[in-house]
């Protein structure tokens, strides 16, 4: 069962669509959605710490369970859905407080600026 706040590994295609690389993502869709549908909603992570806009740093201290090989940034402005069959492995789960920070940044991206 894939749950909200899980960090999982997915195969991502390169821009040439011929080769793929395994990358971590954070599941942001809630557990009710995750049980009902074949897809989950996620945000990608990158170990490129130079990325600055709409990101949050995730390190092992931010995990409730599991372990990251490298400190990474969650790219909050890159929300996408993906079929659960493409998930290779669950590697951890972020803490609730970190998840709430991610959602706060995401809401800031979609709120109207009046």
PDB file of N, CA and C in Angstrom:
ATOM      1  N   UNK A   1       0.850  -1.199   0.000  1.00  0.00           N
ATOM      2  CA  UNK A   1       0.000   0.000   0.000  1.00  0.00           C
ATOM      3  C   UNK A   1       0.886   1.250   0.000  1.00  0.00           C
ATOM      4  N   UNK A   2       0.629   2.108  -0.929  1.00  0.00           N
ATOM      5  CA  UNK A   2       1.330   3.389  -1.014  1.00  0.00           C
ATOM      6  C   UNK A   2       0.520   4.412  -0.226  1.00  0.00           C
ATOM      7  N   UNK A   3       1.193   5.155   0.642  1.00  0.00           N
ATOM      8  CA  UNK A   3       0.520   6.111   1.520  1.00  0.00           C
ATOM      9  C   UNK A   3       1.040   7.525   1.307  1.00  0.00           C
ATOM     10  N   UNK A   4       0.196   8.479   1.697  1.00  0.00           N
ATOM     11  CA  UNK A   4       0.609   9.877   1.683  1.00  0.00           C
ATOM     12  C   UNK A   4       1.871  10.025   2.530  1.00  0.00           C
ATOM     13  N   UNK A   5       2.821  10.830   2.046  1.00  0.00           N
ATOM     14  CA  UNK A   5       4.098  11.144   2.678  1.00  0.00           C
ATOM     15  C   UNK A   5       5.173  10.092   2.396  1.00  0.00           C
ATOM     16  N   UNK A   6       4.829   9.002   1.697  1.00  0.00           N
ATOM     17  CA  UNK A   6       5.847   8.007   1.343  1.00  0.00           C
ATOM     18  C   UNK A   6       6.823   8.592   0.328  1.00  0.00           C
ATOM     19  N   UNK A   7       8.076   8.203   0.444  1.00  0.00           N
ATOM     20  CA  UNK A   7       9.064   8.469  -0.595  1.00  0.00           C
ATOM     21  C   UNK A   7       9.246   7.152  -1.336  1.00  0.00           C
ATOM     22  N   UNK A   8       9.013   7.184  -2.653  1.00  0.00           N
ATOM     23  CA  UNK A   8       9.121   5.985  -3.471  1.00  0.00           C
ATOM     24  C   UNK A   8      10.055   6.252  -4.647  1.00  0.00           C
ATOM     25  N   UNK A   9      10.535   5.191  -5.252  1.00  0.00           N
ATOM     26  CA  UNK A   9      11.386   5.311  -6.430  1.00  0.00           C
ATOM     27  C   UNK A   9      10.576   4.992  -7.678  1.00  0.00           C
ATOM     28  N   UNK A  10      10.743   5.845  -8.710  1.00  0.00           N
ATOM     29  CA  UNK A  10      10.070   5.686 -10.005  1.00  0.00           C
ATOM     30  C   UNK A  10      11.096   5.715 -11.115  1.00  0.00           C
ATOM     31  N   UNK A  11      10.771   5.096 -12.239  1.00  0.00           N
ATOM     32  CA  UNK A  11      11.576   5.239 -13.448  1.00  0.00           C
ATOM     33  C   UNK A  11      11.094   6.468 -14.196  1.00  0.00           C
ATOM     34  N   UNK A  12      11.991   7.437 -14.381  1.00  0.00           N
ATOM     35  CA  UNK A  12      11.677   8.646 -15.136  1.00  0.00           C
ATOM     36  C   UNK A  12      12.377   8.591 -16.481  1.00  0.00           C
ATOM     37  N   UNK A  13      11.660   8.891 -17.580  1.00  0.00           N
ATOM     38  CA  UNK A  13      12.331   8.932 -18.882  1.00  0.00           C
ATOM     39  C   UNK A  13      13.147  10.210 -19.039  1.00  0.00           C
ATOM     40  N   UNK A  14      14.275  10.095 -19.737  1.00  0.00           N
ATOM     41  CA  UNK A  14      15.026  11.276 -20.141  1.00  0.00           C
ATOM     42  C   UNK A  14      14.257  11.956 -21.264  1.00  0.00           C
ATOM     43  N   UNK A  15      14.672  13.155 -21.643  1.00  0.00           N
ATOM     44  CA  UNK A  15      13.953  13.908 -22.675  1.00  0.00           C
ATOM     45  C   UNK A  15      13.932  13.184 -24.016  1.00  0.00           C
ATOM     46  N   UNK A  16      14.892  12.281 -24.264  1.00  0.00           N
ATOM     47  CA  UNK A  16      14.894  11.524 -25.526  1.00  0.00           C
ATOM     48  C   UNK A  16      13.853  10.398 -25.521  1.00  0.00           C
ATOM     49  N   UNK A  17      13.238  10.147 -24.373  1.00  0.00           N
ATOM     50  CA  UNK A  17      12.215   9.129 -24.161  1.00  0.00           C
ATOM     51  C   UNK A  17      12.700   7.710 -24.449  1.00  0.00           C
ATOM     52  N   UNK A  18      14.007   7.535 -24.617  1.00  0.00           N
ATOM     53  CA  UNK A  18      14.566   6.212 -24.899  1.00  0.00           C
ATOM     54  C   UNK A  18      15.224   5.591 -23.677  1.00  0.00           C
ATOM     55  N   UNK A  19      15.730   6.419 -22.786  1.00  0.00           N
ATOM     56  CA  UNK A  19      16.403   5.933 -21.595  1.00  0.00           C
ATOM     57  C   UNK A  19      15.690   6.443 -20.353  1.00  0.00           C
ATOM     58  N   UNK A  20      15.908   5.749 -19.248  1.00  0.00           N
ATOM     59  CA  UNK A  20      15.235   6.103 -18.002  1.00  0.00           C
ATOM     60  C   UNK A  20      16.231   6.128 -16.853  1.00  0.00           C
ATOM     61  N   UNK A  21      15.829   6.842 -15.805  1.00  0.00           N
ATOM     62  CA  UNK A  21      16.629   6.885 -14.592  1.00  0.00           C
ATOM     63  C   UNK A  21      15.683   6.747 -13.402  1.00  0.00           C
ATOM     64  N   UNK A  22      16.119   6.047 -12.395  1.00  0.00           N
ATOM     65  CA  UNK A  22      15.312   5.876 -11.182  1.00  0.00           C
ATOM     66  C   UNK A  22      15.460   7.133 -10.332  1.00  0.00           C
ATOM     67  N   UNK A  23      14.332   7.717  -9.928  1.00  0.00           N
ATOM     68  CA  UNK A  23      14.322   8.948  -9.134  1.00  0.00           C
ATOM     69  C   UNK A  23      13.338   8.812  -7.970  1.00  0.00           C
ATOM     70  N   UNK A  24      13.613   9.480  -6.854  1.00  0.00           N
ATOM     71  CA  UNK A  24      12.660   9.477  -5.736  1.00  0.00           C
ATOM     72  C   UNK A  24      11.588  10.547  -5.912  1.00  0.00           C
ATOM     73  N   UNK A  25      10.400  10.232  -5.414  1.00  0.00           N
ATOM     74  CA  UNK A  25       9.290  11.185  -5.377  1.00  0.00           C
ATOM     75  C   UNK A  25       8.590  11.061  -4.028  1.00  0.00           C
ATOM     76  N   UNK A  26       7.877  12.115  -3.658  1.00  0.00           N
ATOM     77  CA  UNK A  26       7.074  12.108  -2.429  1.00  0.00           C
ATOM     78  C   UNK A  26       5.606  12.036  -2.830  1.00  0.00           C
ATOM     79  N   UNK A  27       4.882  11.083  -2.269  1.00  0.00           N
ATOM     80  CA  UNK A  27       3.446  10.949  -2.532  1.00  0.00           C
ATOM     81  C   UNK A  27       2.711  12.007  -1.707  1.00  0.00           C
ATOM     82  N   UNK A  28       1.920  12.855  -2.401  1.00  0.00           N
ATOM     83  CA  UNK A  28       1.172  13.888  -1.678  1.00  0.00           C
ATOM     84  C   UNK A  28      -0.335  13.626  -1.671  1.00  0.00           C
ATOM     85  N   UNK A  29      -0.824  12.734  -2.533  1.00  0.00           N
ATOM     86  CA  UNK A  29      -2.256  12.420  -2.528  1.00  0.00           C
ATOM     87  C   UNK A  29      -2.608  11.672  -1.237  1.00  0.00           C
ATOM     88  N   UNK A  30      -3.849  11.879  -0.774  1.00  0.00           N
ATOM     89  CA  UNK A  30      -4.242  11.262   0.496  1.00  0.00           C
ATOM     90  C   UNK A  30      -4.525   9.767   0.323  1.00  0.00           C
ATOM     91  N   UNK A  31      -4.594   9.067   1.436  1.00  0.00           N
ATOM     92  CA  UNK A  31      -4.717   7.614   1.396  1.00  0.00           C
ATOM     93  C   UNK A  31      -6.033   7.153   0.788  1.00  0.00           C
ATOM     94  N   UNK A  32      -7.113   7.913   0.961  1.00  0.00           N
ATOM     95  CA  UNK A  32      -8.392   7.566   0.346  1.00  0.00           C
ATOM     96  C   UNK A  32      -8.247   7.573  -1.180  1.00  0.00           C
ATOM     97  N   UNK A  33      -7.649   8.626  -1.717  1.00  0.00           N
ATOM     98  CA  UNK A  33      -7.399   8.722  -3.161  1.00  0.00           C
ATOM     99  C   UNK A  33      -6.495   7.576  -3.615  1.00  0.00           C
ATOM    100  N   UNK A  34      -5.445   7.329  -2.859  1.00  0.00           N
ATOM    101  CA  UNK A  34      -4.473   6.296  -3.235  1.00  0.00           C
ATOM    102  C   UNK A  34      -5.103   4.904  -3.292  1.00  0.00           C
ATOM    103  N   UNK A  35      -6.107   4.644  -2.464  1.00  0.00           N
ATOM    104  CA  UNK A  35      -6.788   3.349  -2.479  1.00  0.00           C
ATOM    105  C   UNK A  35      -7.783   3.236  -3.622  1.00  0.00           C
ATOM    106  N   UNK A  36      -8.439   4.349  -3.986  1.00  0.00           N
ATOM    107  CA  UNK A  36      -9.502   4.328  -4.992  1.00  0.00           C
ATOM    108  C   UNK A  36      -8.992   4.301  -6.426  1.00  0.00           C
ATOM    109  N   UNK A  37      -7.843   4.886  -6.674  1.00  0.00           N
ATOM    110  CA  UNK A  37      -7.404   5.096  -8.048  1.00  0.00           C
ATOM    111  C   UNK A  37      -6.093   4.380  -8.348  1.00  0.00           C
ATOM    112  N   UNK A  38      -5.835   4.173  -9.622  1.00  0.00           N
ATOM    113  CA  UNK A  38      -4.603   3.521 -10.082  1.00  0.00           C
ATOM    114  C   UNK A  38      -3.406   4.464 -10.045  1.00  0.00           C
ATOM    115  N   UNK A  39      -3.670   5.764  -9.977  1.00  0.00           N
ATOM    116  CA  UNK A  39      -2.608   6.770  -9.949  1.00  0.00           C
ATOM    117  C   UNK A  39      -2.423   7.308  -8.542  1.00  0.00           C
ATOM    118  N   UNK A  40      -1.268   7.923  -8.318  1.00  0.00           N
ATOM    119  CA  UNK A  40      -1.007   8.714  -7.119  1.00  0.00           C
ATOM    120  C   UNK A  40      -0.521  10.079  -7.588  1.00  0.00           C
ATOM    121  N   UNK A  41      -0.628  11.073  -6.722  1.00  0.00           N
ATOM    122  CA  UNK A  41      -0.133  12.414  -7.024  1.00  0.00           C
ATOM    123  C   UNK A  41       1.157  12.591  -6.240  1.00  0.00           C
ATOM    124  N   UNK A  42       2.187  13.090  -6.927  1.00  0.00           N
ATOM    125  CA  UNK A  42       3.515  13.123  -6.318  1.00  0.00           C
ATOM    126  C   UNK A  42       4.282  14.372  -6.713  1.00  0.00           C
ATOM    127  N   UNK A  43       5.368  14.611  -5.989  1.00  0.00           N
ATOM    128  CA  UNK A  43       6.330  15.653  -6.360  1.00  0.00           C
ATOM    129  C   UNK A  43       7.714  15.010  -6.422  1.00  0.00           C
ATOM    130  N   UNK A  44       8.506  15.389  -7.420  1.00  0.00           N
ATOM    131  CA  UNK A  44       9.838  14.792  -7.559  1.00  0.00           C
ATOM    132  C   UNK A  44      10.831  15.373  -6.569  1.00  0.00           C
ATOM    133  N   UNK A  45      11.893  14.625  -6.358  1.00  0.00           N
ATOM    134  CA  UNK A  45      13.008  15.075  -5.525  1.00  0.00           C
ATOM    135  C   UNK A  45      14.265  15.114  -6.396  1.00  0.00           C
ATOM    136  N   UNK A  46      15.195  15.978  -6.021  1.00  0.00           N
ATOM    137  CA  UNK A  46      16.467  16.068  -6.716  1.00  0.00           C
ATOM    138  C   UNK A  46      17.601  16.195  -5.711  1.00  0.00           C
ATOM    139  N   UNK A  47      18.732  15.622  -6.054  1.00  0.00           N
ATOM    140  CA  UNK A  47      19.916  15.791  -5.203  1.00  0.00           C
ATOM    141  C   UNK A  47      20.707  17.030  -5.623  1.00  0.00           C
ATOM    142  N   UNK A  48      20.240  17.727  -6.655  1.00  0.00           N
ATOM    143  CA  UNK A  48      20.849  18.989  -7.086  1.00  0.00           C
ATOM    144  C   UNK A  48      20.414  20.072  -6.101  1.00  0.00           C
ATOM    145  N   UNK A  49      21.258  20.387  -5.153  1.00  0.00           N
ATOM    146  CA  UNK A  49      20.893  21.341  -4.102  1.00  0.00           C
ATOM    147  C   UNK A  49      20.965  22.787  -4.557  1.00  0.00           C
ATOM    148  N   UNK A  50      21.373  23.035  -5.820  1.00  0.00           N
ATOM    149  CA  UNK A  50      21.398  24.391  -6.360  1.00  0.00           C
ATOM    150  C   UNK A  50      20.000  24.890  -6.724  1.00  0.00           C
ATOM    151  N   UNK A  51      19.046  23.969  -6.917  1.00  0.00           N
ATOM    152  CA  UNK A  51      17.672  24.357  -7.240  1.00  0.00           C
ATOM    153  C   UNK A  51      17.152  25.194  -6.083  1.00  0.00           C
ATOM    154  N   UNK A  52      16.586  26.380  -6.384  1.00  0.00           N
ATOM    155  CA  UNK A  52      16.249  27.308  -5.309  1.00  0.00           C
ATOM    156  C   UNK A  52      14.768  27.648  -5.161  1.00  0.00           C
ATOM    157  N   UNK A  53      14.029  27.711  -6.236  1.00  0.00           N
ATOM    158  CA  UNK A  53      12.649  28.186  -6.152  1.00  0.00           C
ATOM    159  C   UNK A  53      11.659  27.044  -5.912  1.00  0.00           C
ATOM    160  N   UNK A  54      10.730  27.260  -5.009  1.00  0.00           N
ATOM    161  CA  UNK A  54       9.634  26.332  -4.724  1.00  0.00           C
ATOM    162  C   UNK A  54      10.137  24.934  -4.358  1.00  0.00           C
ATOM    163  N   UNK A  55      11.102  24.896  -3.473  1.00  0.00           N
ATOM    164  CA  UNK A  55      11.670  23.633  -3.016  1.00  0.00           C
ATOM    165  C   UNK A  55      11.754  23.630  -1.495  1.00  0.00           C
ATOM    166  N   UNK A  56      11.938  22.444  -0.961  1.00  0.00           N
ATOM    167  CA  UNK A  56      12.211  22.290   0.465  1.00  0.00           C
ATOM    168  C   UNK A  56      13.285  21.210   0.597  1.00  0.00           C
ATOM    169  N   UNK A  57      14.265  21.475   1.435  1.00  0.00           N
ATOM    170  CA  UNK A  57      15.342  20.521   1.661  1.00  0.00           C
ATOM    171  C   UNK A  57      14.826  19.352   2.494  1.00  0.00           C
ATOM    172  N   UNK A  58      15.153  18.145   2.054  1.00  0.00           N
ATOM    173  CA  UNK A  58      14.773  16.931   2.775  1.00  0.00           C
ATOM    174  C   UNK A  58      16.059  16.167   3.096  1.00  0.00           C
ATOM    175  N   UNK A  59      16.297  15.932   4.383  1.00  0.00           N
ATOM    176  CA  UNK A  59      17.451  15.124   4.800  1.00  0.00           C
ATOM    177  C   UNK A  59      16.927  14.003   5.695  1.00  0.00           C
ATOM    178  N   UNK A  60      17.804  13.140   6.124  1.00  0.00           N
ATOM    179  CA  UNK A  60      17.376  12.002   6.939  1.00  0.00           C
ATOM    180  C   UNK A  60      16.695  12.419   8.236  1.00  0.00           C
ATOM    181  N   UNK A  61      17.014  13.600   8.754  1.00  0.00           N
ATOM    182  CA  UNK A  61      16.350  14.053   9.984  1.00  0.00           C
ATOM    183  C   UNK A  61      14.875  14.394   9.743  1.00  0.00           C
ATOM    184  N   UNK A  62      14.488  14.564   8.466  1.00  0.00           N
ATOM    185  CA  UNK A  62      13.116  14.894   8.100  1.00  0.00           C
ATOM    186  C   UNK A  62      12.264  13.659   7.838  1.00  0.00           C
ATOM    187  N   UNK A  63      12.860  12.481   8.018  1.00  0.00           N
ATOM    188  CA  UNK A  63      12.147  11.235   7.735  1.00  0.00           C
ATOM    189  C   UNK A  63      11.618  10.589   9.003  1.00  0.00           C
ATOM    190  N   UNK A  64      10.403  10.096   8.901  1.00  0.00           N
ATOM    191  CA  UNK A  64       9.786   9.304   9.969  1.00  0.00           C
ATOM    192  C   UNK A  64      10.329   7.877   9.922  1.00  0.00           C
ATOM    193  N   UNK A  65      10.618   7.419   8.702  1.00  0.00           N
ATOM    194  CA  UNK A  65      11.198   6.088   8.513  1.00  0.00           C
ATOM    195  C   UNK A  65      12.010   6.088   7.224  1.00  0.00           C
ATOM    196  N   UNK A  66      12.896   5.118   7.082  1.00  0.00           N
ATOM    197  CA  UNK A  66      13.705   4.983   5.884  1.00  0.00           C
ATOM    198  C   UNK A  66      14.962   5.828   5.928  1.00  0.00           C
ATOM    199  N   UNK A  67      15.649   5.879   4.788  1.00  0.00           N
ATOM    200  CA  UNK A  67      16.909   6.606   4.710  1.00  0.00           C
ATOM    201  C   UNK A  67      17.157   7.075   3.287  1.00  0.00           C
ATOM    202  N   UNK A  68      17.647   8.314   3.171  1.00  0.00           N
ATOM    203  CA  UNK A  68      18.052   8.853   1.874  1.00  0.00           C
ATOM    204  C   UNK A  68      19.549   8.648   1.693  1.00  0.00           C
ATOM    205  N   UNK A  69      19.967   8.393   0.468  1.00  0.00           N
ATOM    206  CA  UNK A  69      21.395   8.272   0.166  1.00  0.00           C
ATOM    207  C   UNK A  69      22.056   9.641   0.239  1.00  0.00           C
ATOM    208  N   UNK A  70      21.331  10.680  -0.234  1.00  0.00           N
ATOM    209  CA  UNK A  70      21.838  12.057  -0.241  1.00  0.00           C
ATOM    210  C   UNK A  70      20.750  13.001   0.224  1.00  0.00           C
ATOM    211  N   UNK A  71      21.153  14.123   0.826  1.00  0.00           N
ATOM    212  CA  UNK A  71      20.190  15.192   1.066  1.00  0.00           C
ATOM    213  C   UNK A  71      19.621  15.592  -0.287  1.00  0.00           C
ATOM    214  N   UNK A  72      18.334  15.924  -0.306  1.00  0.00           N
ATOM    215  CA  UNK A  72      17.661  16.239  -1.566  1.00  0.00           C
ATOM    216  C   UNK A  72      16.701  17.390  -1.369  1.00  0.00           C
ATOM    217  N   UNK A  73      16.222  17.914  -2.472  1.00  0.00           N
ATOM    218  CA  UNK A  73      15.184  18.936  -2.428  1.00  0.00           C
ATOM    219  C   UNK A  73      13.936  18.413  -3.114  1.00  0.00           C
ATOM    220  N   UNK A  74      12.790  18.646  -2.470  1.00  0.00           N
ATOM    221  CA  UNK A  74      11.503  18.325  -3.070  1.00  0.00           C
ATOM    222  C   UNK A  74      11.123  19.493  -3.969  1.00  0.00           C
ATOM    223  N   UNK A  75      10.832  19.202  -5.238  1.00  0.00           N
ATOM    224  CA  UNK A  75      10.513  20.231  -6.235  1.00  0.00           C
ATOM    225  C   UNK A  75       8.994  20.416  -6.269  1.00  0.00           C
ATOM    226  N   UNK A  76       8.507  21.284  -5.410  1.00  0.00           N
ATOM    227  CA  UNK A  76       7.081  21.402  -5.143  1.00  0.00           C
ATOM    228  C   UNK A  76       6.290  21.926  -6.341  1.00  0.00           C
ATOM    229  N   UNK A  77       6.912  22.682  -7.220  1.00  0.00           N
ATOM    230  CA  UNK A  77       6.209  23.211  -8.386  1.00  0.00           C
ATOM    231  C   UNK A  77       6.128  22.209  -9.540  1.00  0.00           C
ATOM    232  N   UNK A  78       6.508  20.962  -9.312  1.00  0.00           N
ATOM    233  CA  UNK A  78       6.519  19.931 -10.364  1.00  0.00           C
ATOM    234  C   UNK A  78       5.532  18.799 -10.066  1.00  0.00           C
ATOM    235  N   UNK A  79       4.374  19.121  -9.526  1.00  0.00           N
ATOM    236  CA  UNK A  79       3.364  18.124  -9.162  1.00  0.00           C
ATOM    237  C   UNK A  79       2.934  17.338 -10.405  1.00  0.00           C
ATOM    238  N   UNK A  80       2.776  16.018 -10.242  1.00  0.00           N
ATOM    239  CA  UNK A  80       2.321  15.192 -11.347  1.00  0.00           C
ATOM    240  C   UNK A  80       1.595  13.963 -10.807  1.00  0.00           C
ATOM    241  N   UNK A  81       0.865  13.281 -11.686  1.00  0.00           N
ATOM    242  CA  UNK A  81       0.260  12.004 -11.303  1.00  0.00           C
ATOM    243  C   UNK A  81       0.969  10.893 -12.061  1.00  0.00           C
ATOM    244  N   UNK A  82       0.981   9.726 -11.439  1.00  0.00           N
ATOM    245  CA  UNK A  82       1.680   8.588 -12.036  1.00  0.00           C
ATOM    246  C   UNK A  82       0.972   7.302 -11.627  1.00  0.00           C
ATOM    247  N   UNK A  83       0.960   6.334 -12.526  1.00  0.00           N
ATOM    248  CA  UNK A  83       0.363   5.043 -12.245  1.00  0.00           C
ATOM    249  C   UNK A  83       1.186   4.310 -11.189  1.00  0.00           C
ATOM    250  N   UNK A  84       0.504   3.733 -10.222  1.00  0.00           N
ATOM    251  CA  UNK A  84       1.182   3.022  -9.131  1.00  0.00           C
ATOM    252  C   UNK A  84       2.036   1.856  -9.628  1.00  0.00           C
ATOM    253  N   UNK A  85       1.716   1.305 -10.784  1.00  0.00           N
ATOM    254  CA  UNK A  85       2.495   0.190 -11.325  1.00  0.00           C
ATOM    255  C   UNK A  85       3.924   0.595 -11.666  1.00  0.00           C
ATOM    256  N   UNK A  86       4.188   1.884 -11.810  1.00  0.00           N
ATOM    257  CA  UNK A  86       5.530   2.363 -12.144  1.00  0.00           C
ATOM    258  C   UNK A  86       6.409   2.547 -10.907  1.00  0.00           C
ATOM    259  N   UNK A  87       5.824   2.403  -9.728  1.00  0.00           N
ATOM    260  CA  UNK A  87       6.593   2.530  -8.490  1.00  0.00           C
ATOM    261  C   UNK A  87       7.448   1.282  -8.310  1.00  0.00           C
ATOM    262  N   UNK A  88       8.740   1.509  -8.113  1.00  0.00           N
ATOM    263  CA  UNK A  88       9.689   0.403  -7.973  1.00  0.00           C
ATOM    264  C   UNK A  88       9.859  -0.040  -6.516  1.00  0.00           C
ATOM    265  N   UNK A  89       9.910   0.950  -5.592  1.00  0.00           N
ATOM    266  CA  UNK A  89      10.273   0.631  -4.217  1.00  0.00           C
ATOM    267  C   UNK A  89       9.916   1.792  -3.298  1.00  0.00           C
ATOM    268  N   UNK A  90       9.438   1.487  -2.107  1.00  0.00           N
ATOM    269  CA  UNK A  90       9.247   2.505  -1.073  1.00  0.00           C
ATOM    270  C   UNK A  90      10.543   2.590  -0.278  1.00  0.00           C
ATOM    271  N   UNK A  91      11.070   3.833  -0.117  1.00  0.00           N
ATOM    272  CA  UNK A  91      12.336   3.975   0.602  1.00  0.00           C
ATOM    273  C   UNK A  91      12.219   4.757   1.908  1.00  0.00           C
ATOM    274  N   UNK A  92      11.050   5.343   2.168  1.00  0.00           N
ATOM    275  CA  UNK A  92      10.912   6.086   3.410  1.00  0.00           C
ATOM    276  C   UNK A  92       9.601   6.817   3.499  1.00  0.00           C
ATOM    277  N   UNK A  93       9.488   7.622   4.555  1.00  0.00           N
ATOM    278  CA  UNK A  93       8.288   8.435   4.778  1.00  0.00           C
ATOM    279  C   UNK A  93       8.720   9.722   5.457  1.00  0.00           C
ATOM    280  N   UNK A  94       8.247  10.862   4.932  1.00  0.00           N
ATOM    281  CA  UNK A  94       8.600  12.143   5.539  1.00  0.00           C
ATOM    282  C   UNK A  94       7.722  12.400   6.767  1.00  0.00           C
ATOM    283  N   UNK A  95       8.238  13.186   7.680  1.00  0.00           N
ATOM    284  CA  UNK A  95       7.503  13.561   8.883  1.00  0.00           C
ATOM    285  C   UNK A  95       6.322  14.457   8.518  1.00  0.00           C
ATOM    286  N   UNK A  96       5.298  14.422   9.348  1.00  0.00           N
ATOM    287  CA  UNK A  96       4.080  15.195   9.109  1.00  0.00           C
ATOM    288  C   UNK A  96       4.376  16.687   9.010  1.00  0.00           C
ATOM    289  N   UNK A  97       5.248  17.208   9.868  1.00  0.00           N
ATOM    290  CA  UNK A  97       5.576  18.639   9.826  1.00  0.00           C
ATOM    291  C   UNK A  97       6.201  19.056   8.506  1.00  0.00           C
ATOM    292  N   UNK A  98       7.045  18.214   7.937  1.00  0.00           N
ATOM    293  CA  UNK A  98       7.671  18.493   6.635  1.00  0.00           C
ATOM    294  C   UNK A  98       6.608  18.471   5.542  1.00  0.00           C
ATOM    295  N   UNK A  99       5.693  17.491   5.621  1.00  0.00           N
ATOM    296  CA  UNK A  99       4.602  17.411   4.648  1.00  0.00           C
ATOM    297  C   UNK A  99       3.762  18.689   4.697  1.00  0.00           C
ATOM    298  N   UNK A 100       3.476  19.175   5.892  1.00  0.00           N
ATOM    299  CA  UNK A 100       2.676  20.397   6.022  1.00  0.00           C
ATOM    300  C   UNK A 100       3.394  21.597   5.403  1.00  0.00           C
ATOM    301  N   UNK A 101       4.718  21.661   5.537  1.00  0.00           N
ATOM    302  CA  UNK A 101       5.486  22.732   4.883  1.00  0.00           C
ATOM    303  C   UNK A 101       5.371  22.639   3.365  1.00  0.00           C
ATOM    304  N   UNK A 102       5.434  21.428   2.840  1.00  0.00           N
ATOM    305  CA  UNK A 102       5.299  21.221   1.390  1.00  0.00           C
ATOM    306  C   UNK A 102       3.940  21.715   0.915  1.00  0.00           C
ATOM    307  N   UNK A 103       2.883  21.349   1.623  1.00  0.00           N
ATOM    308  CA  UNK A 103       1.530  21.739   1.239  1.00  0.00           C
ATOM    309  C   UNK A 103       1.364  23.260   1.332  1.00  0.00           C
ATOM    310  N   UNK A 104       1.966  23.879   2.334  1.00  0.00           N
ATOM    311  CA  UNK A 104       1.900  25.337   2.470  1.00  0.00           C
ATOM    312  C   UNK A 104       2.545  26.024   1.257  1.00  0.00           C
ATOM    313  N   UNK A 105       3.682  25.531   0.819  1.00  0.00           N
ATOM    314  CA  UNK A 105       4.345  26.092  -0.369  1.00  0.00           C
ATOM    315  C   UNK A 105       3.485  25.845  -1.605  1.00  0.00           C
ATOM    316  N   UNK A 106       2.926  24.649  -1.725  1.00  0.00           N
ATOM    317  CA  UNK A 106       2.069  24.325  -2.871  1.00  0.00           C
ATOM    318  C   UNK A 106       0.847  25.235  -2.919  1.00  0.00           C
ATOM    319  N   UNK A 107       0.203  25.447  -1.786  1.00  0.00           N
ATOM    320  CA  UNK A 107      -0.960  26.338  -1.753  1.00  0.00           C
ATOM    321  C   UNK A 107      -0.573  27.763  -2.128  1.00  0.00           C
ATOM    322  N   UNK A 108       0.613  28.196  -1.725  1.00  0.00           N
ATOM    323  CA  UNK A 108       1.091  29.514  -2.107  1.00  0.00           C
ATOM    324  C   UNK A 108       1.258  29.668  -3.609  1.00  0.00           C
ATOM    325  N   UNK A 109       1.529  28.566  -4.288  1.00  0.00           N
ATOM    326  CA  UNK A 109       1.686  28.589  -5.742  1.00  0.00           C
ATOM    327  C   UNK A 109       0.362  28.735  -6.469  1.00  0.00           C
ATOM    328  N   UNK A 110      -0.714  28.247  -5.868  1.00  0.00           N
ATOM    329  CA  UNK A 110      -1.992  28.251  -6.577  1.00  0.00           C
ATOM    330  C   UNK A 110      -2.995  29.287  -6.067  1.00  0.00           C
ATOM    331  N   UNK A 111      -2.688  29.932  -4.941  1.00  0.00           N
ATOM    332  CA  UNK A 111      -3.574  30.964  -4.417  1.00  0.00           C
ATOM    333  C   UNK A 111      -3.507  32.197  -5.304  1.00  0.00           C
ATOM    334  N   UNK A 112      -4.656  32.830  -5.540  1.00  0.00           N
ATOM    335  CA  UNK A 112      -4.623  34.059  -6.346  1.00  0.00           C
ATOM    336  C   UNK A 112      -3.944  35.189  -5.590  1.00  0.00           C
ATOM    337  N   UNK A 113      -3.202  35.996  -6.314  1.00  0.00           N
ATOM    338  CA  UNK A 113      -2.551  37.178  -5.738  1.00  0.00           C
ATOM    339  C   UNK A 113      -3.409  38.401  -6.039  1.00  0.00           C
ATOM    340  N   UNK A 114      -4.233  38.747  -5.057  1.00  0.00           N
ATOM    341  CA  UNK A 114      -5.170  39.876  -5.242  1.00  0.00           C
ATOM    342  C   UNK A 114      -4.711  41.058  -4.425  1.00  0.00           C
TER     343      UNK A 114
END
